[in-house]
Protein backbone atom coordinates (compact mmCIF):
# COMPACT_ATOMS: atom_id res chain seq x y z
CA MET A 1 95.23 83.84 82.34
CA PHE A 2 94.35 83.72 85.84
CA ILE A 3 90.10 82.33 86.31
CA GLY A 4 89.94 80.69 89.08
CA PHE A 5 91.85 79.04 92.22
CA SER A 6 90.91 76.69 94.74
CA VAL A 7 93.05 75.80 97.89
CA SER A 8 92.46 73.45 100.87
CA ASN A 9 94.97 71.88 103.53
CA TYR A 10 97.80 74.36 103.17
CA LEU A 11 99.05 76.70 105.66
CA SER A 12 95.93 78.29 107.39
CA PHE A 13 93.07 76.67 105.25
CA LYS A 14 91.82 73.82 106.16
CA THR A 15 88.45 74.04 104.27
CA ALA A 16 88.53 74.32 100.74
CA GLN A 17 88.29 78.65 99.66
CA LYS A 18 87.92 79.53 96.05
CA ILE A 19 88.59 82.94 94.14
CA SER A 20 87.02 83.03 90.93
CA MET A 21 87.45 86.02 88.36
CA ALA A 22 84.28 84.86 86.43
CA ALA A 23 82.50 88.33 86.13
CA SER A 24 78.98 88.43 87.71
CA LYS A 25 75.64 89.01 85.36
CA MET A 26 75.99 93.05 86.25
CA THR A 27 76.58 95.10 83.58
CA ARG A 28 77.91 98.32 85.33
CA HIS A 29 81.29 98.41 84.90
CA LYS A 30 81.39 96.90 81.11
CA LYS A 31 85.04 97.98 80.84
CA HIS A 32 86.03 96.14 83.35
CA ILE A 33 85.25 92.93 82.02
CA LEU A 34 86.99 90.69 79.09
CA ASN A 35 84.39 88.79 76.67
CA GLY A 36 86.26 85.76 74.85
CA ASN A 37 85.20 81.78 74.43
CA GLY A 38 82.07 82.54 75.60
CA LYS A 39 83.22 83.43 78.93
CA LYS A 40 83.14 86.56 80.84
CA LEU A 41 86.22 87.50 83.32
CA LEU A 42 87.14 90.43 85.51
CA LYS A 43 89.96 92.23 84.19
CA THR A 44 91.40 92.73 87.77
CA GLY A 45 90.34 91.76 91.50
CA LEU A 46 91.37 92.61 94.53
CA ILE A 47 92.03 90.33 97.80
CA TYR A 48 90.86 92.23 101.29
CA GLY A 49 90.27 91.20 104.56
CA ALA A 50 91.22 91.50 108.66
CA ASN A 51 94.66 90.78 109.48
CA ALA A 52 95.37 87.34 109.85
CA GLY A 53 92.75 86.31 107.72
CA GLY A 54 95.03 84.07 105.31
CA LYS A 55 95.38 86.96 102.82
CA SER A 56 98.98 86.30 102.13
CA ASN A 57 98.73 82.66 102.76
CA LEU A 58 96.13 82.51 99.61
CA VAL A 59 99.07 84.47 97.50
CA LYS A 60 101.72 81.44 99.09
CA ALA A 61 99.16 78.94 98.00
CA ILE A 62 98.85 80.65 94.34
CA ASP A 63 102.64 81.02 93.90
CA PHE A 64 103.37 77.52 95.01
CA SER A 65 100.75 76.13 92.60
CA ARG A 66 102.68 78.04 90.04
CA ASP A 67 106.03 76.84 90.81
CA ILE A 68 104.69 73.14 90.47
CA ILE A 69 103.06 73.67 87.34
CA LEU A 70 105.88 75.09 85.58
CA ASP A 71 108.40 72.56 87.15
CA SER A 72 106.38 70.24 85.84
CA ILE A 73 106.23 71.58 82.32
CA ARG A 74 110.18 72.08 82.55
CA GLN A 75 110.47 68.45 83.50
CA LEU A 76 108.35 67.53 80.44
CA ARG A 77 110.53 69.47 78.00
CA ARG A 78 113.62 67.80 79.21
CA SER A 79 112.09 64.63 78.64
């Protein structure tokens, strides 16, 4: 489950940038919030912004991190 992500020093991100799926205290759209283990998380999220604002690079950074994690798990299983 995707809860949050932080990236820095990758492609166009020099300083740390964060994305979080933690729900705020607003209760207007209760159907869009998952409750579990004492945490409230959003079911969906959007990334939007100006052209050349780093949206694609954020997705690339998440994918790169995912690949590193999955490759590490595969290597651990082989050992």
